[in-house]
Amino acid sequence: MSLNDYLFYVILPMLCLAVVLVAYRFFKGPSIVDRVIALDLLITIGIGIITIYSIMTKQSTFLDDAMILALIAFLGTVAFSYYLEKKEEQ
């Protein structure tokens, strides 16, 4: 079994299952904090899928997109935590 076969038949189905489970938590989440954490995890799984696609196609330009997506996710999480902190002070 080559690396591409392993990525395609083992890792990608696991990531797809993770997307389905986290999407359920995103829509069902009892609080806004659960939904933000689920959204952050969805973005992280998306970064993993982009990385695997980059490895399979041998095109490193997709890694730049994954890095930008990671930065946006990080800034979104920081902004949300800042919002929660300011909300608690009022």
N, C-alpha and C. Protein backbone atom coordinates (compact mmCIF):
# COMPACT_ATOMS: atom_id res chain seq x y z
N MET A 1 0.85 -1.18 0.00
CA MET A 1 0.00 0.00 0.00
C MET A 1 0.89 1.24 0.00
N SER A 2 0.70 2.09 -0.98
CA SER A 2 1.52 3.30 -1.08
C SER A 2 0.94 4.39 -0.18
N LEU A 3 1.67 5.47 -0.08
CA LEU A 3 1.24 6.59 0.74
C LEU A 3 -0.06 7.18 0.22
N ASN A 4 -0.18 7.34 -1.09
CA ASN A 4 -1.41 7.90 -1.65
C ASN A 4 -2.62 7.00 -1.38
N ASP A 5 -2.43 5.70 -1.47
CA ASP A 5 -3.53 4.78 -1.16
C ASP A 5 -3.94 4.89 0.31
N TYR A 6 -2.95 4.96 1.18
CA TYR A 6 -3.23 5.08 2.61
C TYR A 6 -3.97 6.39 2.91
N LEU A 7 -3.54 7.47 2.30
CA LEU A 7 -4.20 8.75 2.52
C LEU A 7 -5.63 8.74 1.98
N PHE A 8 -5.81 8.14 0.82
CA PHE A 8 -7.12 8.15 0.16
C PHE A 8 -8.10 7.19 0.83
N TYR A 9 -7.66 6.01 1.23
CA TYR A 9 -8.58 5.00 1.74
C TYR A 9 -8.69 4.95 3.26
N VAL A 10 -7.76 5.57 3.98
CA VAL A 10 -7.81 5.51 5.44
C VAL A 10 -8.01 6.90 6.05
N ILE A 11 -7.15 7.83 5.72
CA ILE A 11 -7.16 9.13 6.39
C ILE A 11 -8.34 9.99 5.94
N LEU A 12 -8.59 10.10 4.64
CA LEU A 12 -9.70 10.93 4.16
C LEU A 12 -11.07 10.47 4.66
N PRO A 13 -11.37 9.16 4.69
CA PRO A 13 -12.66 8.76 5.29
C PRO A 13 -12.77 9.10 6.78
N MET A 14 -11.66 9.00 7.50
CA MET A 14 -11.69 9.38 8.91
C MET A 14 -11.95 10.88 9.07
N LEU A 15 -11.33 11.69 8.22
CA LEU A 15 -11.57 13.13 8.29
C LEU A 15 -13.00 13.48 7.88
N CYS A 16 -13.55 12.76 6.91
CA CYS A 16 -14.94 13.01 6.51
C CYS A 16 -15.91 12.65 7.63
N LEU A 17 -15.64 11.57 8.33
CA LEU A 17 -16.47 11.20 9.48
C LEU A 17 -16.36 12.26 10.57
N ALA A 18 -15.15 12.76 10.78
CA ALA A 18 -14.96 13.82 11.78
C ALA A 18 -15.73 15.08 11.39
N VAL A 19 -15.76 15.41 10.10
CA VAL A 19 -16.52 16.58 9.65
C VAL A 19 -17.99 16.40 9.95
N VAL A 20 -18.53 15.22 9.70
CA VAL A 20 -19.94 14.96 9.95
C VAL A 20 -20.26 15.09 11.44
N LEU A 21 -19.42 14.51 12.29
CA LEU A 21 -19.66 14.56 13.73
C LEU A 21 -19.54 15.98 14.28
N VAL A 22 -18.55 16.72 13.83
CA VAL A 22 -18.37 18.09 14.31
C VAL A 22 -19.45 19.00 13.75
N ALA A 23 -19.90 18.77 12.52
CA ALA A 23 -21.00 19.56 11.97
C ALA A 23 -22.28 19.34 12.77
N TYR A 24 -22.49 18.12 13.22
CA TYR A 24 -23.64 17.85 14.09
C TYR A 24 -23.55 18.68 15.36
N ARG A 25 -22.36 18.73 15.97
CA ARG A 25 -22.18 19.52 17.18
C ARG A 25 -22.34 21.01 16.87
N PHE A 26 -21.94 21.42 15.69
CA PHE A 26 -22.06 22.83 15.32
C PHE A 26 -23.53 23.24 15.22
N PHE A 27 -24.36 22.40 14.64
CA PHE A 27 -25.77 22.75 14.50
C PHE A 27 -26.58 22.46 15.75
N LYS A 28 -26.17 21.49 16.53
CA LYS A 28 -26.92 21.07 17.71
C LYS A 28 -26.43 21.74 18.99
N GLY A 29 -25.23 22.32 18.97
CA GLY A 29 -24.59 22.86 20.16
C GLY A 29 -25.51 23.64 21.07
N PRO A 30 -25.51 23.32 22.35
CA PRO A 30 -26.43 24.01 23.26
C PRO A 30 -26.07 25.49 23.50
N SER A 31 -24.82 25.84 23.37
CA SER A 31 -24.43 27.23 23.62
C SER A 31 -23.58 27.75 22.47
N ILE A 32 -23.39 29.05 22.49
CA ILE A 32 -22.60 29.68 21.44
C ILE A 32 -21.13 29.28 21.55
N VAL A 33 -20.67 29.02 22.74
CA VAL A 33 -19.27 28.61 22.92
C VAL A 33 -19.03 27.25 22.25
N ASP A 34 -19.98 26.33 22.41
CA ASP A 34 -19.85 25.02 21.76
C ASP A 34 -19.82 25.16 20.24
N ARG A 35 -20.60 26.08 19.73
CA ARG A 35 -20.63 26.28 18.28
C ARG A 35 -19.34 26.90 17.77
N VAL A 36 -18.76 27.82 18.52
CA VAL A 36 -17.49 28.43 18.11
C VAL A 36 -16.37 27.40 18.15
N ILE A 37 -16.35 26.56 19.16
CA ILE A 37 -15.33 25.51 19.24
C ILE A 37 -15.51 24.52 18.09
N ALA A 38 -16.75 24.18 17.78
CA ALA A 38 -17.01 23.27 16.66
C ALA A 38 -16.58 23.90 15.34
N LEU A 39 -16.84 25.19 15.17
CA LEU A 39 -16.41 25.86 13.94
C LEU A 39 -14.89 25.88 13.84
N ASP A 40 -14.21 26.12 14.94
CA ASP A 40 -12.75 26.10 14.94
C ASP A 40 -12.24 24.70 14.59
N LEU A 41 -12.89 23.68 15.11
CA LEU A 41 -12.48 22.31 14.79
C LEU A 41 -12.78 21.96 13.33
N LEU A 42 -13.89 22.46 12.80
CA LEU A 42 -14.19 22.25 11.38
C LEU A 42 -13.12 22.86 10.49
N ILE A 43 -12.67 24.05 10.85
CA ILE A 43 -11.61 24.69 10.08
C ILE A 43 -10.32 23.90 10.19
N THR A 44 -10.03 23.38 11.36
CA THR A 44 -8.82 22.58 11.54
C THR A 44 -8.88 21.30 10.71
N ILE A 45 -10.03 20.65 10.68
CA ILE A 45 -10.19 19.45 9.86
C ILE A 45 -10.06 19.82 8.38
N GLY A 46 -10.61 20.96 8.00
CA GLY A 46 -10.47 21.43 6.63
C GLY A 46 -9.02 21.66 6.25
N ILE A 47 -8.24 22.16 7.19
CA ILE A 47 -6.80 22.34 6.95
C ILE A 47 -6.14 20.99 6.72
N GLY A 48 -6.55 19.99 7.49
CA GLY A 48 -6.02 18.65 7.29
C GLY A 48 -6.38 18.08 5.93
N ILE A 49 -7.61 18.31 5.49
CA ILE A 49 -8.03 17.82 4.17
C ILE A 49 -7.27 18.54 3.07
N ILE A 50 -7.08 19.84 3.21
CA ILE A 50 -6.29 20.58 2.22
C ILE A 50 -4.86 20.08 2.18
N THR A 51 -4.29 19.79 3.32
CA THR A 51 -2.91 19.30 3.38
C THR A 51 -2.79 17.93 2.71
N ILE A 52 -3.74 17.05 2.96
CA ILE A 52 -3.70 15.73 2.34
C ILE A 52 -3.86 15.85 0.83
N TYR A 53 -4.75 16.74 0.40
CA TYR A 53 -4.91 16.95 -1.04
C TYR A 53 -3.62 17.49 -1.66
N SER A 54 -2.94 18.35 -0.93
CA SER A 54 -1.67 18.89 -1.41
C SER A 54 -0.61 17.79 -1.53
N ILE A 55 -0.60 16.88 -0.59
CA ILE A 55 0.36 15.77 -0.65
C ILE A 55 0.03 14.84 -1.80
N MET A 56 -1.26 14.57 -2.00
CA MET A 56 -1.65 13.63 -3.05
C MET A 56 -1.39 14.18 -4.45
N THR A 57 -1.58 15.48 -4.63
CA THR A 57 -1.38 16.07 -5.95
C THR A 57 0.02 16.62 -6.15
N LYS A 58 0.82 16.62 -5.10
CA LYS A 58 2.20 17.13 -5.13
C LYS A 58 2.26 18.60 -5.57
N GLN A 59 1.31 19.38 -5.09
CA GLN A 59 1.28 20.82 -5.34
C GLN A 59 1.34 21.55 -4.01
N SER A 60 2.45 22.22 -3.78
CA SER A 60 2.65 22.86 -2.48
C SER A 60 1.90 24.18 -2.35
N THR A 61 1.29 24.67 -3.40
CA THR A 61 0.57 25.94 -3.30
C THR A 61 -0.65 25.83 -2.40
N PHE A 62 -1.22 24.64 -2.27
CA PHE A 62 -2.36 24.47 -1.39
C PHE A 62 -1.97 24.62 0.08
N LEU A 63 -0.72 24.39 0.41
CA LEU A 63 -0.27 24.57 1.78
C LEU A 63 -0.32 26.03 2.19
N ASP A 64 -0.10 26.94 1.25
CA ASP A 64 -0.23 28.36 1.54
C ASP A 64 -1.68 28.70 1.90
N ASP A 65 -2.62 28.11 1.18
CA ASP A 65 -4.02 28.34 1.49
C ASP A 65 -4.37 27.79 2.87
N ALA A 66 -3.83 26.64 3.20
CA ALA A 66 -4.08 26.06 4.52
C ALA A 66 -3.51 26.94 5.62
N MET A 67 -2.34 27.52 5.38
CA MET A 67 -1.74 28.39 6.37
C MET A 67 -2.57 29.66 6.57
N ILE A 68 -3.08 30.22 5.50
CA ILE A 68 -3.93 31.41 5.60
C ILE A 68 -5.22 31.08 6.34
N LEU A 69 -5.79 29.92 6.06
CA LEU A 69 -7.00 29.49 6.75
C LEU A 69 -6.73 29.30 8.25
N ALA A 70 -5.57 28.78 8.60
CA ALA A 70 -5.21 28.62 10.01
C ALA A 70 -5.08 29.98 10.70
N LEU A 71 -4.50 30.94 10.02
CA LEU A 71 -4.38 32.29 10.61
C LEU A 71 -5.75 32.92 10.81
N ILE A 72 -6.63 32.77 9.86
CA ILE A 72 -7.98 33.32 10.00
C ILE A 72 -8.72 32.65 11.15
N ALA A 73 -8.58 31.35 11.28
CA ALA A 73 -9.23 30.63 12.38
C ALA A 73 -8.68 31.09 13.72
N PHE A 74 -7.38 31.28 13.81
CA PHE A 74 -6.77 31.73 15.05
C PHE A 74 -7.27 33.12 15.42
N LEU A 75 -7.29 34.02 14.45
CA LEU A 75 -7.76 35.38 14.73
C LEU A 75 -9.23 35.39 15.11
N GLY A 76 -10.03 34.54 14.50
CA GLY A 76 -11.44 34.45 14.86
C GLY A 76 -11.63 33.95 16.28
N THR A 77 -10.84 32.99 16.69
CA THR A 77 -10.93 32.47 18.06
C THR A 77 -10.50 33.52 19.07
N VAL A 78 -9.44 34.24 18.76
CA VAL A 78 -8.98 35.31 19.65
C VAL A 78 -10.03 36.41 19.75
N ALA A 79 -10.64 36.79 18.63
CA ALA A 79 -11.68 37.82 18.64
C ALA A 79 -12.89 37.37 19.45
N PHE A 80 -13.26 36.11 19.33
CA PHE A 80 -14.40 35.62 20.10
C PHE A 80 -14.10 35.59 21.59
N SER A 81 -12.89 35.18 21.97
CA SER A 81 -12.55 35.18 23.39
C SER A 81 -12.49 36.60 23.95
N TYR A 82 -12.04 37.55 23.14
CA TYR A 82 -12.05 38.96 23.55
C TYR A 82 -13.50 39.44 23.74
N TYR A 83 -14.38 39.04 22.85
CA TYR A 83 -15.80 39.40 22.97
C TYR A 83 -16.40 38.82 24.24
N LEU A 84 -16.10 37.58 24.55
CA LEU A 84 -16.64 36.97 25.78
C LEU A 84 -16.10 37.64 27.02
N GLU A 85 -14.85 38.03 26.98
CA GLU A 85 -14.26 38.71 28.14
C GLU A 85 -14.93 40.07 28.36
N LYS A 86 -15.15 40.81 27.30
CA LYS A 86 -15.80 42.11 27.42
C LYS A 86 -17.26 41.96 27.83
N LYS A 87 -17.91 40.89 27.38
CA LYS A 87 -19.32 40.65 27.73
C LYS A 87 -19.46 40.36 29.21
N GLU A 88 -18.50 39.64 29.81
CA GLU A 88 -18.56 39.31 31.23
C GLU A 88 -18.30 40.51 32.10
N GLU A 89 -17.55 41.49 31.63
CA GLU A 89 -17.26 42.68 32.42
C GLU A 89 -18.48 43.58 32.57
N GLN A 90 -19.40 43.53 31.65
CA GLN A 90 -20.56 44.43 31.69
C GLN A 90 -21.58 43.98 32.66
